[in-house]
Amino acid sequence: DFRRSGGRVVMCSYEQLPDVQTGPQLSQFLHLQQGLETVCALNSWSIETTFVWMDVLSIPKEQRQARQLAMDSIFLYASCADAFLVAAPDLGTSTLGVPVNLSSYQEDAWSAAQLFSYCCNHGAHKVYLSKSDGFTTASTGFAQDMRFVFSREMLCCQRGHGRGQDKCDLECLVPTFVGLYYQMVATSNNDGNDSEPWRESLGRECGRHFFQGVRAMAKHNKEELFPKNHVYSTGTTSSASSTQVHNLFGDLLLRVNRRAALTEEGKKLSPELEDL
């Protein structure tokens, strides 16, 4: 058994820069490396049996269908992780003239999607920050501030959706978040049983608390969490641009509510789910 033999998984996250083809810059990589050693030391894990999930290693870039399947699985990957490590050193400014640091990391939609996926399973338990001024444990507020994934930009947005890209990568995240929403609705009356006994009890409890908070917030901020559409722009601030309105969630959430609420007895939608 993987965990009984000491196996652990750490999700590693960093901000992909628009002027870098793929993967972390050297400073980001070094902060991930040093941070990983610190995470293992803090938790008394063996570095030899600790494995890393990182998008550049775990998500295919060239094969579009395989890439989409991997993005669809982000919540599954996150559910298997034991810790989440953010590398956010100060890197000056990008080619777009934007400062690159922890604040810019928090404004990146793909980074937010990774952290959100982890926190829906574990809360802010074992979320760590590796920054220029040192290594720290992230606060619950840090995770909560990144819940609105779709109000942020993906890397393709910063690049102006060039090279024949007909849709934004935000649109590729929709099936994943529809699955999350279904889980949110379907487990609203969870009896507390856990099918993953390997997960630490504190991590389970933190995950439930975070998940319940997101579900409660969906009643009042549904359009921010799961917007029906978004503005798709081509071109950057330094070149001519055009905009279109692209569909995101549309009426998918209402359809999910209705499907999740079907029961063998009544086949009716509960008033609570109607409100979501």
Protein backbone atom coordinates (compact mmCIF):
# COMPACT_ATOMS: atom_id res chain seq x y z
CA ASP A 1 0.00 0.00 0.00
CA PHE A 2 1.37 3.38 -1.11
CA ARG A 3 0.77 5.35 2.08
CA ARG A 4 1.43 2.54 4.51
CA SER A 5 4.89 2.31 2.99
CA GLY A 6 5.44 6.05 3.55
CA GLY A 7 4.31 7.36 0.17
CA ARG A 8 3.16 10.98 0.01
CA VAL A 9 2.09 13.35 -2.78
CA VAL A 10 2.68 17.10 -2.83
CA MET A 11 0.91 19.31 -5.38
CA CYS A 12 3.37 21.97 -6.51
CA SER A 13 2.06 25.20 -8.00
CA TYR A 14 3.64 28.30 -9.53
CA GLU A 15 2.63 31.13 -11.85
CA GLN A 16 3.34 30.40 -15.51
CA LEU A 17 4.73 33.56 -17.10
CA PRO A 18 3.56 34.76 -20.54
CA ASP A 19 7.12 35.08 -21.86
CA VAL A 20 8.14 31.55 -20.83
CA GLN A 21 7.17 28.67 -23.11
CA THR A 22 6.44 26.13 -20.39
CA GLY A 23 7.43 25.25 -16.85
CA PRO A 24 8.75 27.29 -13.91
CA GLN A 25 11.59 29.79 -14.13
CA LEU A 26 14.81 28.88 -12.33
CA SER A 27 13.96 30.92 -9.22
CA GLN A 28 10.51 29.33 -9.04
CA PHE A 29 12.04 25.87 -9.45
CA LEU A 30 14.55 26.49 -6.65
CA HIS A 31 11.78 27.71 -4.34
CA LEU A 32 9.79 24.55 -5.15
CA GLN A 33 12.84 22.39 -4.46
CA GLN A 34 13.67 24.10 -1.16
CA GLY A 35 10.01 24.23 -0.17
CA LEU A 36 9.54 20.52 -0.84
CA GLU A 37 12.45 19.70 1.47
CA THR A 38 10.91 21.90 4.18
CA VAL A 39 7.45 20.34 3.77
CA CYS A 40 8.94 16.87 4.19
CA ALA A 41 10.94 17.95 7.25
CA LEU A 42 7.92 19.61 8.91
CA ASN A 43 5.77 16.52 8.45
CA SER A 44 8.49 13.92 9.10
CA TRP A 45 8.10 12.52 5.57
CA SER A 46 10.89 10.84 3.69
CA ILE A 47 11.94 12.82 0.63
CA GLU A 48 12.66 9.50 -1.11
CA THR A 49 9.02 8.40 -0.90
CA THR A 50 7.44 11.81 -1.53
CA PHE A 51 6.14 12.34 -5.05
CA VAL A 52 5.38 15.60 -6.85
CA TRP A 53 2.36 16.57 -8.94
CA MET A 54 3.16 19.59 -11.10
CA ASP A 55 1.29 20.66 -14.23
CA VAL A 56 4.33 20.76 -16.49
CA LEU A 57 5.08 17.14 -15.54
CA SER A 58 1.56 15.79 -15.13
CA ILE A 59 -0.51 17.45 -17.88
CA PRO A 60 0.29 16.79 -21.57
CA LYS A 61 0.84 20.02 -23.51
CA GLU A 62 0.83 18.95 -27.16
CA GLN A 63 -2.03 16.43 -27.38
CA ARG A 64 -5.21 18.45 -26.89
CA GLN A 65 -7.53 15.58 -25.92
CA ALA A 66 -5.08 14.17 -23.37
CA ARG A 67 -4.56 17.68 -22.01
CA GLN A 68 -8.31 18.16 -21.57
CA LEU A 69 -8.66 14.80 -19.81
CA ALA A 70 -5.90 15.79 -17.39
CA MET A 71 -7.54 19.18 -16.70
CA ASP A 72 -10.85 17.38 -16.15
CA SER A 73 -9.11 15.30 -13.47
CA ILE A 74 -7.69 18.18 -11.41
CA PHE A 75 -10.06 17.55 -8.47
CA LEU A 76 -9.19 13.86 -8.48
CA TYR A 77 -5.47 14.66 -8.48
CA ALA A 78 -6.01 17.13 -5.63
CA SER A 79 -7.98 14.61 -3.58
CA CYS A 80 -4.95 12.31 -3.59
CA ALA A 81 -2.48 15.00 -2.45
CA ASP A 82 -1.14 15.25 1.10
CA ALA A 83 0.06 18.85 0.86
CA PHE A 84 0.00 21.86 -1.48
CA LEU A 85 3.13 23.94 -2.10
CA VAL A 86 3.11 27.37 -3.75
CA ALA A 87 6.32 28.84 -5.16
CA ALA A 88 5.84 32.60 -5.47
CA PRO A 89 9.19 34.42 -5.34
CA ASP A 90 9.47 38.06 -6.41
CA LEU A 91 10.58 37.98 -10.07
CA GLY A 92 10.44 41.65 -10.99
CA THR A 93 8.10 42.36 -13.91
CA SER A 94 6.94 40.23 -16.82
CA THR A 95 7.16 41.26 -20.46
CA LEU A 96 3.68 42.75 -20.03
CA GLY A 97 5.05 45.07 -17.33
CA VAL A 98 3.16 43.32 -14.52
CA PRO A 99 4.91 42.56 -11.19
CA VAL A 100 5.41 38.82 -10.64
CA ASN A 101 5.02 37.84 -6.99
CA LEU A 102 2.54 36.27 -4.58
CA SER A 103 -0.13 38.83 -5.51
CA SER A 104 0.11 38.03 -9.22
CA TYR A 105 -0.01 34.31 -8.36
CA GLN A 106 -3.31 34.92 -6.59
CA GLU A 107 -4.71 36.61 -9.71
CA ASP A 108 -3.89 33.67 -11.98
CA ALA A 109 -6.94 31.51 -12.78
CA TRP A 110 -5.04 28.25 -13.30
CA SER A 111 -3.20 28.68 -9.99
CA ALA A 112 -6.53 29.43 -8.29
CA ALA A 113 -8.11 26.33 -9.86
CA GLN A 114 -5.35 24.11 -8.48
CA LEU A 115 -5.55 25.57 -4.98
CA PHE A 116 -9.36 25.55 -5.01
CA SER A 117 -9.31 21.86 -6.01
CA TYR A 118 -7.02 21.02 -3.12
CA CYS A 119 -8.95 23.05 -0.55
CA CYS A 120 -12.29 21.49 -1.50
CA ASN A 121 -10.73 18.20 -0.40
CA HIS A 122 -8.47 19.30 2.46
CA GLY A 123 -9.22 22.93 3.31
CA ALA A 124 -6.12 25.04 3.96
CA HIS A 125 -4.58 22.13 5.89
CA LYS A 126 -0.96 21.70 4.80
CA VAL A 127 -0.95 24.57 2.27
CA TYR A 128 2.53 26.11 2.23
CA LEU A 129 4.05 29.22 0.64
CA SER A 130 7.64 29.42 -0.53
CA LYS A 131 8.41 33.12 -1.10
CA SER A 132 11.42 35.38 -1.40
CA ASP A 133 11.10 36.39 2.25
CA GLY A 134 10.83 32.84 3.53
CA PHE A 135 8.67 29.75 3.96
CA THR A 136 5.29 29.98 5.70
CA THR A 137 2.07 28.06 6.24
CA ALA A 138 -0.81 29.63 4.32
CA SER A 139 -3.76 31.03 6.22
CA THR A 140 -7.36 30.02 5.62
CA GLY A 141 -7.93 33.54 4.30
CA PHE A 142 -5.32 33.01 1.58
CA ALA A 143 -7.29 30.03 0.25
CA GLN A 144 -10.64 31.76 0.59
CA ASP A 145 -9.40 34.77 -1.39
CA MET A 146 -8.81 32.50 -4.41
CA ARG A 147 -12.24 30.86 -4.57
CA PHE A 148 -13.49 32.96 -7.48
CA VAL A 149 -11.52 31.16 -10.17
CA PHE A 150 -13.50 32.45 -13.15
CA SER A 151 -13.04 36.11 -12.24
CA ARG A 152 -9.34 35.67 -13.04
CA GLU A 153 -7.31 35.35 -16.24
CA MET A 154 -5.62 32.28 -17.66
CA LEU A 155 -2.21 32.47 -19.31
CA CYS A 156 -3.85 32.36 -22.73
CA CYS A 157 -5.75 35.57 -21.86
CA GLN A 158 -2.46 37.36 -21.18
CA ARG A 159 -1.13 36.08 -24.50
CA GLY A 160 -4.17 37.38 -26.37
CA HIS A 161 -5.53 33.97 -27.44
CA GLY A 162 -3.23 33.85 -30.44
CA ARG A 163 -2.10 31.06 -32.73
CA GLY A 164 -5.59 30.01 -33.78
CA GLN A 165 -6.92 29.45 -30.25
CA ASP A 166 -10.69 29.49 -30.71
CA LYS A 167 -11.62 29.32 -27.03
CA CYS A 168 -10.17 30.36 -23.68
CA ASP A 169 -8.69 27.80 -21.31
CA LEU A 170 -11.24 29.00 -18.75
CA GLU A 171 -13.82 27.22 -20.90
CA CYS A 172 -11.79 24.01 -20.59
CA LEU A 173 -12.26 24.16 -16.80
CA VAL A 174 -16.06 24.19 -17.00
CA PRO A 175 -16.61 20.37 -17.08
CA THR A 176 -14.33 20.04 -14.05
CA PHE A 177 -16.24 22.62 -12.04
CA VAL A 178 -19.60 21.21 -13.09
CA GLY A 179 -18.39 17.94 -11.57
CA LEU A 180 -17.41 19.83 -8.42
CA TYR A 181 -20.82 21.47 -8.27
CA TYR A 182 -22.55 18.11 -8.64
CA GLN A 183 -20.47 16.77 -5.75
CA MET A 184 -21.36 19.88 -3.75
CA VAL A 185 -25.06 19.25 -4.25
CA ALA A 186 -25.03 15.46 -4.03
CA THR A 187 -23.07 15.37 -0.76
CA SER A 188 -25.04 18.10 1.01
CA ASN A 189 -26.51 15.48 3.33
CA ASN A 190 -23.32 13.46 3.77
CA ASP A 191 -23.44 11.33 6.90
CA GLY A 192 -19.76 11.90 7.56
CA ASN A 193 -18.51 8.51 6.42
CA ASP A 194 -15.25 8.68 4.53
CA SER A 195 -14.19 6.23 1.84
CA GLU A 196 -10.58 7.38 2.09
CA PRO A 197 -9.41 6.37 5.59
CA TRP A 198 -5.78 7.17 4.72
CA ARG A 199 -6.52 10.91 4.78
CA GLU A 200 -5.71 12.63 8.07
CA SER A 201 -8.78 13.42 10.16
CA LEU A 202 -7.82 17.10 10.41
CA GLY A 203 -7.46 17.30 6.63
CA ARG A 204 -10.88 15.68 6.17
CA GLU A 205 -12.52 18.09 8.60
CA CYS A 206 -10.85 21.16 7.06
CA GLY A 207 -11.91 20.00 3.61
CA ARG A 208 -15.53 19.54 4.70
CA HIS A 209 -15.56 22.98 6.34
CA PHE A 210 -14.13 24.68 3.22
CA PHE A 211 -16.47 22.74 0.93
CA GLN A 212 -19.52 23.63 3.01
CA GLY A 213 -18.45 27.28 2.97
CA VAL A 214 -18.23 27.28 -0.82
CA ARG A 215 -21.63 25.63 -1.06
CA ALA A 216 -23.18 28.26 1.23
CA MET A 217 -21.52 31.03 -0.75
CA ALA A 218 -22.92 29.60 -4.00
CA LYS A 219 -26.39 30.63 -2.83
CA HIS A 220 -25.42 34.30 -2.78
CA ASN A 221 -22.47 34.53 -5.20
CA LYS A 222 -23.33 31.87 -7.76
CA GLU A 223 -22.64 34.14 -10.73
CA GLU A 224 -19.17 34.97 -9.40
CA LEU A 225 -18.31 31.36 -8.63
CA PHE A 226 -19.91 29.87 -11.74
CA PRO A 227 -20.53 32.67 -14.29
CA LYS A 228 -22.85 31.97 -17.20
CA ASN A 229 -20.48 33.54 -19.72
CA HIS A 230 -17.27 35.53 -20.05
CA VAL A 231 -15.66 38.02 -22.41
CA TYR A 232 -13.18 36.42 -24.82
CA SER A 233 -10.60 38.88 -26.16
CA THR A 234 -8.00 38.49 -28.88
CA GLY A 235 -4.92 40.65 -28.90
CA THR A 236 -3.03 42.19 -25.98
CA THR A 237 -2.74 45.67 -24.54
CA SER A 238 0.01 46.39 -27.08
CA SER A 239 -1.95 45.16 -30.14
CA ALA A 240 -5.39 45.56 -31.65
CA SER A 241 -8.03 43.45 -29.93
CA SER A 242 -11.57 42.27 -30.49
CA THR A 243 -14.02 40.84 -27.97
CA GLN A 244 -16.76 38.22 -28.03
CA VAL A 245 -19.04 36.81 -25.36
CA HIS A 246 -18.41 33.08 -24.86
CA ASN A 247 -20.58 30.68 -22.91
CA LEU A 248 -19.27 29.23 -19.64
CA PHE A 249 -21.80 27.56 -17.32
CA GLY A 250 -25.00 28.78 -18.95
CA ASP A 251 -27.89 26.79 -17.46
CA LEU A 252 -25.73 23.80 -16.51
CA LEU A 253 -26.04 24.37 -12.77
CA LEU A 254 -29.83 24.32 -12.85
CA ARG A 255 -29.69 21.07 -14.81
CA VAL A 256 -27.24 19.63 -12.27
CA ASN A 257 -29.57 20.64 -9.43
CA ARG A 258 -32.49 18.88 -11.05
CA ARG A 259 -30.55 15.70 -11.74
CA ALA A 260 -29.05 15.53 -8.24
CA ALA A 261 -32.43 16.13 -6.61
CA LEU A 262 -34.18 13.22 -8.31
CA THR A 263 -35.24 10.61 -5.77
CA GLU A 264 -36.90 7.24 -6.20
CA GLU A 265 -39.83 8.46 -4.14
CA GLY A 266 -40.75 11.95 -5.27
CA LYS A 267 -38.69 12.83 -8.34
CA LYS A 268 -38.91 16.45 -7.22
CA LEU A 269 -36.41 19.24 -6.76
CA SER A 270 -36.02 20.27 -3.14
CA PRO A 271 -36.59 23.98 -2.33
CA GLU A 272 -33.02 24.22 -0.97
CA LEU A 273 -31.53 23.17 -4.31
CA GLU A 274 -33.85 25.48 -6.23
CA ASP A 275 -32.16 28.35 -4.39
CA LEU A 276 -28.64 27.38 -5.47
